[in-house]
Every structure is written in C-alpha cells, then in structure tokens.
C-alpha cells in the first residue's frame, strides 16, 4: 500500500491522485487500484497511470494515477492505495 499525498478532480470520470513512491509502469497503463480509506471498506476501481502537473507536493519520487469512478471527496486523510496490473 502507498500513501495518497494529494487528490484532485481532473474533469474526467474520476479523481487524480499523487502517491508516494515511483514505478516504471508506462503512462496510460490500465491498472487496478485497491483504495483503503480509514473506517471504510476497501474499494477496488480501475486506474490509469498519468502525468502529474507540477506542484510543491509532487516530488520526483511521486506517481500519479487516475482512479476511475471516484470523487476526490471519497479520499480522506490517511487513505492508502495498492496499484497492480490489470492482468494480475
């Protein structure tokens, strides 16, 4: 699980999140995200790796993912996400 550092609405069908750590997964890859928000059930959604816009919170060791079907209000402080390939 990786800590979600920031969540923001992108105007698409989902919420963009910045998470701790980086991967070599190519931009645009279709993935599965398991979202763990404290006090709620783990939720599984489709995700796509995407580029992050520059921001002071986004360091080089930070990845961006579009979580499909989620509103940024659903992502609370302390939320964690596990990203895996769509074929796993």
PDB file of N, CA and C in Angstrom:
ATOM      1  N   UNK A   1       0.849  -1.184   0.000  1.00  0.00           N
ATOM      2  CA  UNK A   1       0.000   0.000   0.000  1.00  0.00           C
ATOM      3  C   UNK A   1       0.890   1.242   0.000  1.00  0.00           C
ATOM      4  N   UNK A   2       0.443   2.241  -0.739  1.00  0.00           N
ATOM      5  CA  UNK A   2       1.172   3.501  -0.835  1.00  0.00           C
ATOM      6  C   UNK A   2       0.274   4.641  -0.346  1.00  0.00           C
ATOM      7  N   UNK A   3       0.865   5.580   0.363  1.00  0.00           N
ATOM      8  CA  UNK A   3       0.114   6.709   0.914  1.00  0.00           C
ATOM      9  C   UNK A   3      -0.299   7.671  -0.199  1.00  0.00           C
ATOM     10  N   UNK A   4      -1.568   8.105  -0.161  1.00  0.00           N
ATOM     11  CA  UNK A   4      -2.043   9.124  -1.087  1.00  0.00           C
ATOM     12  C   UNK A   4      -1.671  10.485  -0.508  1.00  0.00           C
ATOM     13  N   UNK A   5      -0.875  11.236  -1.254  1.00  0.00           N
ATOM     14  CA  UNK A   5      -0.398  12.541  -0.801  1.00  0.00           C
ATOM     15  C   UNK A   5      -1.372  13.661  -1.134  1.00  0.00           C
ATOM     16  N   UNK A   6      -2.080  13.515  -2.259  1.00  0.00           N
ATOM     17  CA  UNK A   6      -2.985  14.566  -2.724  1.00  0.00           C
ATOM     18  C   UNK A   6      -4.005  13.947  -3.672  1.00  0.00           C
ATOM     19  N   UNK A   7      -5.217  14.462  -3.630  1.00  0.00           N
ATOM     20  CA  UNK A   7      -6.276  14.033  -4.549  1.00  0.00           C
ATOM     21  C   UNK A   7      -6.940  15.279  -5.107  1.00  0.00           C
ATOM     22  N   UNK A   8      -7.214  15.265  -6.405  1.00  0.00           N
ATOM     23  CA  UNK A   8      -7.858  16.423  -7.016  1.00  0.00           C
ATOM     24  C   UNK A   8      -8.656  15.995  -8.235  1.00  0.00           C
ATOM     25  N   UNK A   9      -9.712  16.717  -8.505  1.00  0.00           N
ATOM     26  CA  UNK A   9     -10.608  16.440  -9.627  1.00  0.00           C
ATOM     27  C   UNK A   9      -9.940  16.903 -10.914  1.00  0.00           C
ATOM     28  N   UNK A  10     -10.013  16.075 -11.932  1.00  0.00           N
ATOM     29  CA  UNK A  10      -9.393  16.388 -13.205  1.00  0.00           C
ATOM     30  C   UNK A  10     -10.403  16.736 -14.292  1.00  0.00           C
ATOM     31  N   UNK A  11     -11.694  16.713 -13.989  1.00  0.00           N
ATOM     32  CA  UNK A  11     -12.694  16.999 -15.005  1.00  0.00           C
ATOM     33  C   UNK A  11     -12.980  15.802 -15.885  1.00  0.00           C
ATOM     34  N   UNK A  12     -12.411  14.670 -15.538  1.00  0.00           N
ATOM     35  CA  UNK A  12     -12.664  13.421 -16.250  1.00  0.00           C
ATOM     36  C   UNK A  12     -13.495  12.534 -15.340  1.00  0.00           C
ATOM     37  N   UNK A  13     -13.704  11.335 -15.760  1.00  0.00           N
ATOM     38  CA  UNK A  13     -14.519  10.404 -14.982  1.00  0.00           C
ATOM     39  C   UNK A  13     -13.701   9.780 -13.857  1.00  0.00           C
ATOM     40  N   UNK A  14     -13.276  10.594 -12.907  1.00  0.00           N
ATOM     41  CA  UNK A  14     -12.510  10.059 -11.799  1.00  0.00           C
ATOM     42  C   UNK A  14     -11.720  11.133 -11.090  1.00  0.00           C
ATOM     43  N   UNK A  15     -10.828  10.671 -10.221  1.00  0.00           N
ATOM     44  CA  UNK A  15     -10.004  11.560  -9.414  1.00  0.00           C
ATOM     45  C   UNK A  15      -8.542  11.219  -9.635  1.00  0.00           C
ATOM     46  N   UNK A  16      -7.741  12.240  -9.812  1.00  0.00           N
ATOM     47  CA  UNK A  16      -6.302  12.072  -9.949  1.00  0.00           C
ATOM     48  C   UNK A  16      -5.693  12.092  -8.557  1.00  0.00           C
ATOM     49  N   UNK A  17      -4.794  11.143  -8.291  1.00  0.00           N
ATOM     50  CA  UNK A  17      -4.112  11.109  -7.000  1.00  0.00           C
ATOM     51  C   UNK A  17      -2.600  11.107  -7.206  1.00  0.00           C
ATOM     52  N   UNK A  18      -1.912  11.748  -6.283  1.00  0.00           N
ATOM     53  CA  UNK A  18      -0.458  11.693  -6.207  1.00  0.00           C
ATOM     54  C   UNK A  18      -0.137  10.754  -5.054  1.00  0.00           C
ATOM     55  N   UNK A  19       0.700   9.748  -5.317  1.00  0.00           N
ATOM     56  CA  UNK A  19       1.030   8.767  -4.284  1.00  0.00           C
ATOM     57  C   UNK A  19       2.534   8.711  -4.059  1.00  0.00           C
ATOM     58  N   UNK A  20       2.912   8.288  -2.859  1.00  0.00           N
ATOM     59  CA  UNK A  20       4.322   8.127  -2.510  1.00  0.00           C
ATOM     60  C   UNK A  20       4.958   7.058  -3.377  1.00  0.00           C
ATOM     61  N   UNK A  21       6.192   7.306  -3.759  1.00  0.00           N
ATOM     62  CA  UNK A  21       6.963   6.324  -4.497  1.00  0.00           C
ATOM     63  C   UNK A  21       6.742   6.416  -5.993  1.00  0.00           C
ATOM     64  N   UNK A  22       7.660   5.813  -6.735  1.00  0.00           N
ATOM     65  CA  UNK A  22       7.537   5.820  -8.188  1.00  0.00           C
ATOM     66  C   UNK A  22       7.708   4.408  -8.725  1.00  0.00           C
ATOM     67  N   UNK A  23       7.177   4.201  -9.926  1.00  0.00           N
ATOM     68  CA  UNK A  23       7.266   2.903 -10.589  1.00  0.00           C
ATOM     69  C   UNK A  23       7.724   3.121 -12.022  1.00  0.00           C
ATOM     70  N   UNK A  24       8.055   2.041 -12.694  1.00  0.00           N
ATOM     71  CA  UNK A  24       8.427   2.134 -14.103  1.00  0.00           C
ATOM     72  C   UNK A  24       7.249   1.784 -15.015  1.00  0.00           C
ATOM     73  N   UNK A  25       6.042   1.768 -14.463  1.00  0.00           N
ATOM     74  CA  UNK A  25       4.837   1.500 -15.255  1.00  0.00           C
ATOM     75  C   UNK A  25       4.658   2.647 -16.252  1.00  0.00           C
ATOM     76  N   UNK A  26       4.455   2.337 -17.541  1.00  0.00           N
ATOM     77  CA  UNK A  26       4.297   3.404 -18.542  1.00  0.00           C
ATOM     78  C   UNK A  26       3.027   4.236 -18.328  1.00  0.00           C
ATOM     79  N   UNK A  27       3.104   5.521 -18.685  1.00  0.00           N
ATOM     80  CA  UNK A  27       1.941   6.415 -18.654  1.00  0.00           C
ATOM     81  C   UNK A  27       0.847   5.802 -19.527  1.00  0.00           C
ATOM     82  N   UNK A  28      -0.385   5.858 -19.051  1.00  0.00           N
ATOM     83  CA  UNK A  28      -1.525   5.332 -19.805  1.00  0.00           C
ATOM     84  C   UNK A  28      -1.834   3.871 -19.541  1.00  0.00           C
ATOM     85  N   UNK A  29      -1.004   3.197 -18.744  1.00  0.00           N
ATOM     86  CA  UNK A  29      -1.241   1.780 -18.445  1.00  0.00           C
ATOM     87  C   UNK A  29      -2.531   1.599 -17.671  1.00  0.00           C
ATOM     88  N   UNK A  30      -3.312   0.588 -18.077  1.00  0.00           N
ATOM     89  CA  UNK A  30      -4.545   0.259 -17.356  1.00  0.00           C
ATOM     90  C   UNK A  30      -4.183  -0.616 -16.166  1.00  0.00           C
ATOM     91  N   UNK A  31      -4.672  -0.234 -14.998  1.00  0.00           N
ATOM     92  CA  UNK A  31      -4.308  -0.886 -13.748  1.00  0.00           C
ATOM     93  C   UNK A  31      -5.539  -1.095 -12.876  1.00  0.00           C
ATOM     94  N   UNK A  32      -5.325  -1.743 -11.744  1.00  0.00           N
ATOM     95  CA  UNK A  32      -6.359  -1.907 -10.720  1.00  0.00           C
ATOM     96  C   UNK A  32      -5.854  -1.224  -9.451  1.00  0.00           C
ATOM     97  N   UNK A  33      -6.720  -0.434  -8.830  1.00  0.00           N
ATOM     98  CA  UNK A  33      -6.370   0.236  -7.575  1.00  0.00           C
ATOM     99  C   UNK A  33      -7.283  -0.279  -6.471  1.00  0.00           C
ATOM    100  N   UNK A  34      -6.679  -0.647  -5.349  1.00  0.00           N
ATOM    101  CA  UNK A  34      -7.437  -1.025  -4.156  1.00  0.00           C
ATOM    102  C   UNK A  34      -7.271   0.119  -3.169  1.00  0.00           C
ATOM    103  N   UNK A  35      -8.355   0.857  -2.971  1.00  0.00           N
ATOM    104  CA  UNK A  35      -8.345   2.046  -2.122  1.00  0.00           C
ATOM    105  C   UNK A  35      -8.743   1.668  -0.704  1.00  0.00           C
ATOM    106  N   UNK A  36      -7.895   2.048   0.251  1.00  0.00           N
ATOM    107  CA  UNK A  36      -8.157   1.774   1.659  1.00  0.00           C
ATOM    108  C   UNK A  36      -8.269   3.109   2.392  1.00  0.00           C
ATOM    109  N   UNK A  37      -9.504   3.511   2.691  1.00  0.00           N
ATOM    110  CA  UNK A  37      -9.775   4.739   3.440  1.00  0.00           C
ATOM    111  C   UNK A  37     -10.097   4.328   4.872  1.00  0.00           C
ATOM    112  N   UNK A  38      -9.416   4.918   5.877  1.00  0.00           N
ATOM    113  CA  UNK A  38      -9.683   4.544   7.267  1.00  0.00           C
ATOM    114  C   UNK A  38     -11.178   4.596   7.598  1.00  0.00           C
ATOM    115  N   UNK A  39     -11.666   3.521   8.219  1.00  0.00           N
ATOM    116  CA  UNK A  39     -13.063   3.455   8.634  1.00  0.00           C
ATOM    117  C   UNK A  39     -14.028   3.015   7.548  1.00  0.00           C
ATOM    118  N   UNK A  40     -13.515   2.684   6.364  1.00  0.00           N
ATOM    119  CA  UNK A  40     -14.384   2.246   5.263  1.00  0.00           C
ATOM    120  C   UNK A  40     -13.864   0.936   4.700  1.00  0.00           C
ATOM    121  N   UNK A  41     -14.726   0.258   3.932  1.00  0.00           N
ATOM    122  CA  UNK A  41     -14.310  -0.979   3.277  1.00  0.00           C
ATOM    123  C   UNK A  41     -13.320  -0.669   2.162  1.00  0.00           C
ATOM    124  N   UNK A  42     -12.439  -1.626   1.880  1.00  0.00           N
ATOM    125  CA  UNK A  42     -11.517  -1.479   0.759  1.00  0.00           C
ATOM    126  C   UNK A  42     -12.329  -1.511  -0.527  1.00  0.00           C
ATOM    127  N   UNK A  43     -12.038  -0.575  -1.413  1.00  0.00           N
ATOM    128  CA  UNK A  43     -12.779  -0.460  -2.673  1.00  0.00           C
ATOM    129  C   UNK A  43     -11.810  -0.665  -3.832  1.00  0.00           C
ATOM    130  N   UNK A  44     -12.213  -1.471  -4.807  1.00  0.00           N
ATOM    131  CA  UNK A  44     -11.382  -1.729  -5.979  1.00  0.00           C
ATOM    132  C   UNK A  44     -11.951  -0.983  -7.178  1.00  0.00           C
ATOM    133  N   UNK A  45     -11.083  -0.235  -7.878  1.00  0.00           N
ATOM    134  CA  UNK A  45     -11.505   0.544  -9.045  1.00  0.00           C
ATOM    135  C   UNK A  45     -10.451   0.429 -10.142  1.00  0.00           C
ATOM    136  N   UNK A  46     -10.859   0.731 -11.369  1.00  0.00           N
ATOM    137  CA  UNK A  46      -9.908   0.817 -12.477  1.00  0.00           C
ATOM    138  C   UNK A  46      -9.050   2.062 -12.282  1.00  0.00           C
ATOM    139  N   UNK A  47      -7.807   1.979 -12.739  1.00  0.00           N
ATOM    140  CA  UNK A  47      -6.887   3.109 -12.610  1.00  0.00           C
ATOM    141  C   UNK A  47      -6.000   3.177 -13.849  1.00  0.00           C
ATOM    142  N   UNK A  48      -5.507   4.360 -14.118  1.00  0.00           N
ATOM    143  CA  UNK A  48      -4.561   4.586 -15.215  1.00  0.00           C
ATOM    144  C   UNK A  48      -3.423   5.446 -14.695  1.00  0.00           C
ATOM    145  N   UNK A  49      -2.187   5.042 -15.027  1.00  0.00           N
ATOM    146  CA  UNK A  49      -1.062   5.898 -14.649  1.00  0.00           C
ATOM    147  C   UNK A  49      -1.110   7.138 -15.532  1.00  0.00           C
ATOM    148  N   UNK A  50      -0.877   8.299 -14.929  1.00  0.00           N
ATOM    149  CA  UNK A  50      -0.964   9.564 -15.650  1.00  0.00           C
ATOM    150  C   UNK A  50       0.113  10.512 -15.139  1.00  0.00           C
ATOM    151  N   UNK A  51       0.384  11.532 -15.915  1.00  0.00           N
ATOM    152  CA  UNK A  51       1.359  12.552 -15.503  1.00  0.00           C
ATOM    153  C   UNK A  51       0.731  13.490 -14.481  1.00  0.00           C
ATOM    154  N   UNK A  52       1.553  13.922 -13.551  1.00  0.00           N
ATOM    155  CA  UNK A  52       1.123  14.908 -12.562  1.00  0.00           C
ATOM    156  C   UNK A  52       1.509  16.296 -13.028  1.00  0.00           C
ATOM    157  N   UNK A  53       0.654  17.251 -12.760  1.00  0.00           N
ATOM    158  CA  UNK A  53       1.012  18.648 -13.016  1.00  0.00           C
ATOM    159  C   UNK A  53       2.000  19.084 -11.948  1.00  0.00           C
ATOM    160  N   UNK A  54       2.901  20.001 -12.280  1.00  0.00           N
ATOM    161  CA  UNK A  54       3.882  20.451 -11.273  1.00  0.00           C
ATOM    162  C   UNK A  54       3.198  21.042 -10.039  1.00  0.00           C
ATOM    163  N   UNK A  55       3.740  20.692  -8.877  1.00  0.00           N
ATOM    164  CA  UNK A  55       3.219  21.180  -7.606  1.00  0.00           C
ATOM    165  C   UNK A  55       4.293  20.970  -6.546  1.00  0.00           C
ATOM    166  N   UNK A  56       4.328  21.806  -5.526  1.00  0.00           N
ATOM    167  CA  UNK A  56       5.316  21.616  -4.461  1.00  0.00           C
ATOM    168  C   UNK A  56       5.192  20.262  -3.760  1.00  0.00           C
ATOM    169  N   UNK A  57       3.991  19.666  -3.749  1.00  0.00           N
ATOM    170  CA  UNK A  57       3.807  18.371  -3.079  1.00  0.00           C
ATOM    171  C   UNK A  57       4.312  17.203  -3.911  1.00  0.00           C
ATOM    172  N   UNK A  58       4.499  17.421  -5.195  1.00  0.00           N
ATOM    173  CA  UNK A  58       4.838  16.323  -6.090  1.00  0.00           C
ATOM    174  C   UNK A  58       6.341  16.292  -6.342  1.00  0.00           C
ATOM    175  N   UNK A  59       7.003  15.359  -5.719  1.00  0.00           N
ATOM    176  CA  UNK A  59       8.436  15.195  -5.887  1.00  0.00           C
ATOM    177  C   UNK A  59       8.690  14.175  -6.984  1.00  0.00           C
ATOM    178  N   UNK A  60       9.959  13.994  -7.341  1.00  0.00           N
ATOM    179  CA  UNK A  60      10.295  13.036  -8.394  1.00  0.00           C
ATOM    180  C   UNK A  60       9.959  11.605  -7.980  1.00  0.00           C
ATOM    181  N   UNK A  61       9.862  11.344  -6.685  1.00  0.00           N
ATOM    182  CA  UNK A  61       9.521  10.002  -6.210  1.00  0.00           C
ATOM    183  C   UNK A  61       8.018   9.879  -5.956  1.00  0.00           C
ATOM    184  N   UNK A  62       7.232  10.576  -6.768  1.00  0.00           N
ATOM    185  CA  UNK A  62       5.779  10.565  -6.640  1.00  0.00           C
ATOM    186  C   UNK A  62       5.167  10.165  -7.972  1.00  0.00           C
ATOM    187  N   UNK A  63       4.196   9.259  -7.944  1.00  0.00           N
ATOM    188  CA  UNK A  63       3.478   8.836  -9.147  1.00  0.00           C
ATOM    189  C   UNK A  63       2.071   9.402  -9.140  1.00  0.00           C
ATOM    190  N   UNK A  64       1.485   9.521 -10.322  1.00  0.00           N
ATOM    191  CA  UNK A  64       0.107   9.968 -10.460  1.00  0.00           C
ATOM    192  C   UNK A  64      -0.754   8.893 -11.089  1.00  0.00           C
ATOM    193  N   UNK A  65      -1.959   8.739 -10.574  1.00  0.00           N
ATOM    194  CA  UNK A  65      -2.906   7.758 -11.103  1.00  0.00           C
ATOM    195  C   UNK A  65      -4.295   8.365 -11.155  1.00  0.00           C
ATOM    196  N   UNK A  66      -5.010   8.097 -12.242  1.00  0.00           N
ATOM    197  CA  UNK A  66      -6.413   8.467 -12.350  1.00  0.00           C
ATOM    198  C   UNK A  66      -7.220   7.288 -11.830  1.00  0.00           C
ATOM    199  N   UNK A  67      -7.995   7.494 -10.772  1.00  0.00           N
ATOM    200  CA  UNK A  67      -8.852   6.456 -10.199  1.00  0.00           C
ATOM    201  C   UNK A  67     -10.252   6.663 -10.768  1.00  0.00           C
ATOM    202  N   UNK A  68     -10.669   5.758 -11.623  1.00  0.00           N
ATOM    203  CA  UNK A  68     -11.912   5.895 -12.382  1.00  0.00           C
ATOM    204  C   UNK A  68     -13.126   5.706 -11.476  1.00  0.00           C
ATOM    205  N   UNK A  69     -14.086   6.619 -11.608  1.00  0.00           N
ATOM    206  CA  UNK A  69     -15.347   6.497 -10.890  1.00  0.00           C
ATOM    207  C   UNK A  69     -15.332   7.004  -9.461  1.00  0.00           C
ATOM    208  N   UNK A  70     -14.218   7.562  -9.016  1.00  0.00           N
ATOM    209  CA  UNK A  70     -14.142   8.097  -7.654  1.00  0.00           C
ATOM    210  C   UNK A  70     -14.193   9.612  -7.678  1.00  0.00           C
ATOM    211  N   UNK A  71     -14.830  10.180  -6.673  1.00  0.00           N
ATOM    212  CA  UNK A  71     -14.815  11.621  -6.480  1.00  0.00           C
ATOM    213  C   UNK A  71     -13.748  11.923  -5.437  1.00  0.00           C
ATOM    214  N   UNK A  72     -13.067  13.056  -5.578  1.00  0.00           N
ATOM    215  CA  UNK A  72     -11.993  13.344  -4.619  1.00  0.00           C
ATOM    216  C   UNK A  72     -12.492  13.469  -3.184  1.00  0.00           C
ATOM    217  N   UNK A  73     -13.780  13.725  -2.987  1.00  0.00           N
ATOM    218  CA  UNK A  73     -14.327  13.795  -1.624  1.00  0.00           C
ATOM    219  C   UNK A  73     -14.335  12.426  -0.940  1.00  0.00           C
ATOM    220  N   UNK A  74     -14.201  11.349  -1.716  1.00  0.00           N
ATOM    221  CA  UNK A  74     -14.169   9.992  -1.153  1.00  0.00           C
ATOM    222  C   UNK A  74     -12.799   9.631  -0.597  1.00  0.00           C
ATOM    223  N   UNK A  75     -11.797  10.432  -0.887  1.00  0.00           N
ATOM    224  CA  UNK A  75     -10.434  10.140  -0.457  1.00  0.00           C
ATOM    225  C   UNK A  75     -10.102  11.040   0.728  1.00  0.00           C
ATOM    226  N   UNK A  76     -10.025  10.438   1.897  1.00  0.00           N
ATOM    227  CA  UNK A  76      -9.816  11.166   3.159  1.00  0.00           C
ATOM    228  C   UNK A  76      -8.358  11.081   3.593  1.00  0.00           C
ATOM    229  N   UNK A  77      -7.992  11.904   4.585  1.00  0.00           N
ATOM    230  CA  UNK A  77      -6.649  11.845   5.161  1.00  0.00           C
ATOM    231  C   UNK A  77      -6.354  10.428   5.623  1.00  0.00           C
ATOM    232  N   UNK A  78      -5.147   9.978   5.369  1.00  0.00           N
ATOM    233  CA  UNK A  78      -4.738   8.643   5.779  1.00  0.00           C
ATOM    234  C   UNK A  78      -5.062   7.564   4.770  1.00  0.00           C
ATOM    235  N   UNK A  79      -5.651   7.934   3.631  1.00  0.00           N
ATOM    236  CA  UNK A  79      -6.003   6.946   2.611  1.00  0.00           C
ATOM    237  C   UNK A  79      -4.738   6.348   1.996  1.00  0.00           C
ATOM    238  N   UNK A  80      -4.833   5.070   1.689  1.00  0.00           N
ATOM    239  CA  UNK A  80      -3.739   4.327   1.071  1.00  0.00           C
ATOM    240  C   UNK A  80      -4.287   3.655  -0.179  1.00  0.00           C
ATOM    241  N   UNK A  81      -3.392   3.360  -1.122  1.00  0.00           N
ATOM    242  CA  UNK A  81      -3.812   2.690  -2.346  1.00  0.00           C
ATOM    243  C   UNK A  81      -2.771   1.644  -2.730  1.00  0.00           C
ATOM    244  N   UNK A  82      -3.259   0.520  -3.213  1.00  0.00           N
ATOM    245  CA  UNK A  82      -2.401  -0.529  -3.756  1.00  0.00           C
ATOM    246  C   UNK A  82      -2.694  -0.592  -5.246  1.00  0.00           C
ATOM    247  N   UNK A  83      -1.664  -0.446  -6.056  1.00  0.00           N
ATOM    248  CA  UNK A  83      -1.809  -0.452  -7.506  1.00  0.00           C
ATOM    249  C   UNK A  83      -1.232  -1.757  -8.035  1.00  0.00           C
ATOM    250  N   UNK A  84      -1.991  -2.434  -8.900  1.00  0.00           N
ATOM    251  CA  UNK A  84      -1.491  -3.659  -9.519  1.00  0.00           C
ATOM    252  C   UNK A  84      -1.890  -3.675 -10.985  1.00  0.00           C
ATOM    253  N   UNK A  85      -1.229  -4.539 -11.748  1.00  0.00           N
ATOM    254  CA  UNK A  85      -1.532  -4.603 -13.173  1.00  0.00           C
ATOM    255  C   UNK A  85      -2.922  -5.182 -13.369  1.00  0.00           C
ATOM    256  N   UNK A  86      -3.547  -4.804 -14.462  1.00  0.00           N
ATOM    257  CA  UNK A  86      -4.914  -5.234 -14.768  1.00  0.00           C
ATOM    258  C   UNK A  86      -4.984  -6.747 -14.968  1.00  0.00           C
ATOM    259  N   UNK A  87      -3.887  -7.369 -15.365  1.00  0.00           N
ATOM    260  CA  UNK A  87      -3.891  -8.797 -15.674  1.00  0.00           C
ATOM    261  C   UNK A  87      -3.541  -9.685 -14.496  1.00  0.00           C
ATOM    262  N   UNK A  88      -3.159  -9.096 -13.347  1.00  0.00           N
ATOM    263  CA  UNK A  88      -2.814  -9.918 -12.164  1.00  0.00           C
ATOM    264  C   UNK A  88      -4.015 -10.681 -11.659  1.00  0.00           C
TER     265      UNK A  88
END
